Amino acid sequence: MRFHESHFDVFFDDLDMFGILHNARYLLFMERCMGQFWNKLGWGGFDGERDPDQFHLVRLNQVEYLSPFEGVGPVRVRLQIEHLGTTSLVIGFQVMPMDEDRVLALGRRVVVCVDPETRNKRAWSSDFKQRLEPYLEA
């Protein structure tokens, strides 16, 4: 199983009053990691003609905070595909310090593919499934 990893800088304005990375920023970094992952696979931008799978809605965001990230500096976010269903996709995230494989926070996002007009569920394309397959957890 492959994963995608992105690095982000934590700045002073990302911290809470205790000097710890604010809880909402973890989700923001996960979102940015996912955007970089889509770009890596060639799905950047908004071109519904070329990429019908870009139309999806978030069903769930979940973050579990295990250990605080204190102060400023770089942090990394790792993404892997936990489940790829007919209409849904579960993406797992890990937020870690740069210098060790210690998980600071675990996250999960569930998205559902939808028709852009009706917002009803629809199946992912075979191209979408094929490109994501290498990132699926065993």
C-alpha atoms as a PDB file:
ATOM      1  CA  MET A   1       0.000   0.000   0.000  1.00  0.00           C
ATOM      2  CA  ARG A   2       1.260   3.405  -0.944  1.00  0.00           C
ATOM      3  CA  PHE A   3       0.525   6.641   0.815  1.00  0.00           C
ATOM      4  CA  HIS A   4       0.791  10.301  -0.032  1.00  0.00           C
ATOM      5  CA  GLU A   5       2.572  12.657   2.339  1.00  0.00           C
ATOM      6  CA  SER A   6       2.621  16.461   2.469  1.00  0.00           C
ATOM      7  CA  HIS A   7       4.614  18.836   4.650  1.00  0.00           C
ATOM      8  CA  PHE A   8       3.199  22.032   6.122  1.00  0.00           C
ATOM      9  CA  ASP A   9       4.609  24.838   8.217  1.00  0.00           C
ATOM     10  CA  VAL A  10       2.927  25.622  11.515  1.00  0.00           C
ATOM     11  CA  PHE A  11       3.030  29.361  12.195  1.00  0.00           C
ATOM     12  CA  PHE A  12       2.359  31.382  15.331  1.00  0.00           C
ATOM     13  CA  ASP A  13      -1.208  32.161  14.238  1.00  0.00           C
ATOM     14  CA  ASP A  14      -1.918  28.401  13.959  1.00  0.00           C
ATOM     15  CA  LEU A  15      -1.428  27.987  17.723  1.00  0.00           C
ATOM     16  CA  ASP A  16      -3.943  28.168  20.544  1.00  0.00           C
ATOM     17  CA  MET A  17      -3.364  30.094  23.786  1.00  0.00           C
ATOM     18  CA  PHE A  18      -1.249  27.222  25.143  1.00  0.00           C
ATOM     19  CA  GLY A  19       1.172  27.338  22.196  1.00  0.00           C
ATOM     20  CA  ILE A  20      -0.273  24.093  20.783  1.00  0.00           C
ATOM     21  CA  LEU A  21      -1.430  23.596  17.208  1.00  0.00           C
ATOM     22  CA  HIS A  22      -5.102  24.605  17.260  1.00  0.00           C
ATOM     23  CA  ASN A  23      -7.470  21.671  16.868  1.00  0.00           C
ATOM     24  CA  ALA A  24      -9.126  23.130  13.731  1.00  0.00           C
ATOM     25  CA  ARG A  25      -5.766  23.374  11.947  1.00  0.00           C
ATOM     26  CA  TYR A  26      -5.344  19.599  11.887  1.00  0.00           C
ATOM     27  CA  LEU A  27      -8.425  19.330   9.678  1.00  0.00           C
ATOM     28  CA  LEU A  28      -7.169  22.201   7.514  1.00  0.00           C
ATOM     29  CA  PHE A  29      -3.828  20.437   6.984  1.00  0.00           C
ATOM     30  CA  MET A  30      -5.677  17.211   6.126  1.00  0.00           C
ATOM     31  CA  GLU A  31      -7.740  19.140   3.575  1.00  0.00           C
ATOM     32  CA  ARG A  32      -4.617  20.647   2.016  1.00  0.00           C
ATOM     33  CA  CYS A  33      -2.926  17.240   1.913  1.00  0.00           C
ATOM     34  CA  MET A  34      -5.925  15.829   0.088  1.00  0.00           C
ATOM     35  CA  GLY A  35      -5.816  18.705  -2.413  1.00  0.00           C
ATOM     36  CA  GLN A  36      -2.152  18.010  -3.129  1.00  0.00           C
ATOM     37  CA  PHE A  37      -2.969  14.307  -3.527  1.00  0.00           C
ATOM     38  CA  TRP A  38      -5.705  15.062  -6.081  1.00  0.00           C
ATOM     39  CA  ASN A  39      -3.268  17.319  -7.970  1.00  0.00           C
ATOM     40  CA  LYS A  40      -0.624  14.583  -7.942  1.00  0.00           C
ATOM     41  CA  LEU A  41      -3.107  12.211  -9.581  1.00  0.00           C
ATOM     42  CA  GLY A  42      -3.991  14.818 -12.219  1.00  0.00           C
ATOM     43  CA  TRP A  43      -7.309  15.951 -10.800  1.00  0.00           C
ATOM     44  CA  GLY A  44      -6.526  19.558  -9.945  1.00  0.00           C
ATOM     45  CA  GLY A  45      -8.945  22.319 -10.859  1.00  0.00           C
ATOM     46  CA  PHE A  46     -12.617  22.178 -11.663  1.00  0.00           C
ATOM     47  CA  ASP A  47     -13.226  20.540 -15.017  1.00  0.00           C
ATOM     48  CA  GLY A  48     -16.408  18.484 -14.824  1.00  0.00           C
ATOM     49  CA  GLU A  49     -16.117  17.417 -18.446  1.00  0.00           C
ATOM     50  CA  ARG A  50     -12.678  15.903 -17.869  1.00  0.00           C
ATOM     51  CA  ASP A  51     -13.183  14.798 -14.277  1.00  0.00           C
ATOM     52  CA  PRO A  52     -16.732  13.740 -13.348  1.00  0.00           C
ATOM     53  CA  ASP A  53     -15.458  12.300 -10.035  1.00  0.00           C
ATOM     54  CA  GLN A  54     -14.658  15.754  -8.682  1.00  0.00           C
ATOM     55  CA  PHE A  55     -18.311  16.053  -7.694  1.00  0.00           C
ATOM     56  CA  HIS A  56     -18.436  14.583  -4.239  1.00  0.00           C
ATOM     57  CA  LEU A  57     -19.756  15.683  -0.884  1.00  0.00           C
ATOM     58  CA  VAL A  58     -18.193  15.240   2.531  1.00  0.00           C
ATOM     59  CA  ARG A  59     -20.218  12.899   4.695  1.00  0.00           C
ATOM     60  CA  LEU A  60     -17.899  12.750   7.708  1.00  0.00           C
ATOM     61  CA  ASN A  61     -14.818  14.452   9.112  1.00  0.00           C
ATOM     62  CA  GLN A  62     -13.281  12.899  12.191  1.00  0.00           C
ATOM     63  CA  VAL A  63     -10.120  13.781  14.105  1.00  0.00           C
ATOM     64  CA  GLU A  64      -8.677  12.072  17.168  1.00  0.00           C
ATOM     65  CA  TYR A  65      -5.981  14.054  18.963  1.00  0.00           C
ATOM     66  CA  LEU A  66      -3.358  11.772  20.495  1.00  0.00           C
ATOM     67  CA  SER A  67      -0.475  14.088  21.363  1.00  0.00           C
ATOM     68  CA  PRO A  68      -0.094  17.869  20.966  1.00  0.00           C
ATOM     69  CA  PHE A  69       2.129  19.554  18.416  1.00  0.00           C
ATOM     70  CA  GLU A  70       3.748  22.398  20.322  1.00  0.00           C
ATOM     71  CA  GLY A  71       5.228  25.575  18.895  1.00  0.00           C
ATOM     72  CA  VAL A  72       6.014  26.464  15.320  1.00  0.00           C
ATOM     73  CA  GLY A  73       7.792  24.438  12.670  1.00  0.00           C
ATOM     74  CA  PRO A  74       7.087  21.820  10.035  1.00  0.00           C
ATOM     75  CA  VAL A  75       4.597  18.991  10.393  1.00  0.00           C
ATOM     76  CA  ARG A  76       3.722  16.212   7.971  1.00  0.00           C
ATOM     77  CA  VAL A  77       0.402  14.714   7.011  1.00  0.00           C
ATOM     78  CA  ARG A  78       0.115  11.222   5.575  1.00  0.00           C
ATOM     79  CA  LEU A  79      -2.911  10.132   3.566  1.00  0.00           C
ATOM     80  CA  GLN A  80      -4.003   6.644   2.589  1.00  0.00           C
ATOM     81  CA  ILE A  81      -7.206   5.215   1.161  1.00  0.00           C
ATOM     82  CA  GLU A  82      -8.966   3.083   3.758  1.00  0.00           C
ATOM     83  CA  HIS A  83     -11.969   2.044   1.670  1.00  0.00           C
ATOM     84  CA  LEU A  84     -13.159   2.591  -1.884  1.00  0.00           C
ATOM     85  CA  GLY A  85     -16.791   1.644  -2.360  1.00  0.00           C
ATOM     86  CA  THR A  86     -19.157   1.999  -5.275  1.00  0.00           C
ATOM     87  CA  THR A  87     -20.177   5.545  -4.319  1.00  0.00           C
ATOM     88  CA  SER A  88     -18.112   6.304  -1.195  1.00  0.00           C
ATOM     89  CA  LEU A  89     -14.472   6.811  -0.330  1.00  0.00           C
ATOM     90  CA  VAL A  90     -12.843   6.701   3.114  1.00  0.00           C
ATOM     91  CA  ILE A  91      -9.558   8.583   3.390  1.00  0.00           C
ATOM     92  CA  GLY A  92      -7.345   8.138   6.455  1.00  0.00           C
ATOM     93  CA  PHE A  93      -4.878  10.732   7.701  1.00  0.00           C
ATOM     94  CA  GLN A  94      -2.022  10.777  10.169  1.00  0.00           C
ATOM     95  CA  VAL A  95      -0.437  13.984  11.420  1.00  0.00           C
ATOM     96  CA  MET A  96       3.162  13.440  12.514  1.00  0.00           C
ATOM     97  CA  PRO A  97       6.263  15.409  13.428  1.00  0.00           C
ATOM     98  CA  MET A  98       8.914  15.603  10.734  1.00  0.00           C
ATOM     99  CA  ASP A  99      11.611  13.711  12.605  1.00  0.00           C
ATOM    100  CA  GLU A 100       9.783  10.641  13.920  1.00  0.00           C
ATOM    101  CA  ASP A 101       6.998   8.229  13.031  1.00  0.00           C
ATOM    102  CA  ARG A 102       4.876   9.195  16.033  1.00  0.00           C
ATOM    103  CA  VAL A 103       1.233   9.896  15.300  1.00  0.00           C
ATOM    104  CA  LEU A 104      -0.021  13.144  16.817  1.00  0.00           C
ATOM    105  CA  ALA A 105      -3.519  12.913  15.379  1.00  0.00           C
ATOM    106  CA  LEU A 106      -5.559  10.465  13.349  1.00  0.00           C
ATOM    107  CA  GLY A 107      -8.185  11.647  10.936  1.00  0.00           C
ATOM    108  CA  ARG A 108     -10.744  10.221   8.601  1.00  0.00           C
ATOM    109  CA  ARG A 109     -12.872  11.714   5.887  1.00  0.00           C
ATOM    110  CA  VAL A 110     -15.739  10.005   4.118  1.00  0.00           C
ATOM    111  CA  VAL A 111     -16.872  11.441   0.798  1.00  0.00           C
ATOM    112  CA  VAL A 112     -19.700  10.361  -1.468  1.00  0.00           C
ATOM    113  CA  CYS A 113     -19.679  10.745  -5.237  1.00  0.00           C
ATOM    114  CA  VAL A 114     -22.738  12.657  -6.465  1.00  0.00           C
ATOM    115  CA  ASP A 115     -24.362  13.781  -9.667  1.00  0.00           C
ATOM    116  CA  PRO A 116     -23.615  17.531  -9.985  1.00  0.00           C
ATOM    117  CA  GLU A 117     -27.201  18.353 -10.999  1.00  0.00           C
ATOM    118  CA  THR A 118     -29.309  16.207  -8.655  1.00  0.00           C
ATOM    119  CA  ARG A 119     -26.797  15.679  -5.804  1.00  0.00           C
ATOM    120  CA  ASN A 120     -27.891  12.023  -5.791  1.00  0.00           C
ATOM    121  CA  LYS A 121     -25.249   9.348  -5.235  1.00  0.00           C
ATOM    122  CA  ARG A 122     -23.556   7.950  -8.302  1.00  0.00           C
ATOM    123  CA  ALA A 123     -20.762   5.448  -8.854  1.00  0.00           C
ATOM    124  CA  TRP A 124     -17.127   6.460  -9.116  1.00  0.00           C
ATOM    125  CA  SER A 125     -15.652   6.061 -12.593  1.00  0.00           C
ATOM    126  CA  SER A 126     -13.436   3.087 -13.382  1.00  0.00           C
ATOM    127  CA  ASP A 127     -10.542   5.515 -14.024  1.00  0.00           C
ATOM    128  CA  PHE A 128     -10.959   6.957 -10.533  1.00  0.00           C
ATOM    129  CA  LYS A 129     -10.947   3.511  -8.942  1.00  0.00           C
ATOM    130  CA  GLN A 130      -7.930   2.427 -10.968  1.00  0.00           C
ATOM    131  CA  ARG A 131      -5.854   5.464  -9.973  1.00  0.00           C
ATOM    132  CA  LEU A 132      -6.699   5.079  -6.287  1.00  0.00           C
ATOM    133  CA  GLU A 133      -6.155   1.321  -6.102  1.00  0.00           C
ATOM    134  CA  PRO A 134      -2.398   1.523  -5.293  1.00  0.00           C
ATOM    135  CA  TYR A 135      -3.227   3.682  -2.244  1.00  0.00           C
ATOM    136  CA  LEU A 136      -5.785   1.254  -0.787  1.00  0.00           C
ATOM    137  CA  GLU A 137      -4.947  -0.303   2.573  1.00  0.00           C
ATOM    138  CA  ALA A 138      -4.483  -4.067   2.355  1.00  0.00           C
END
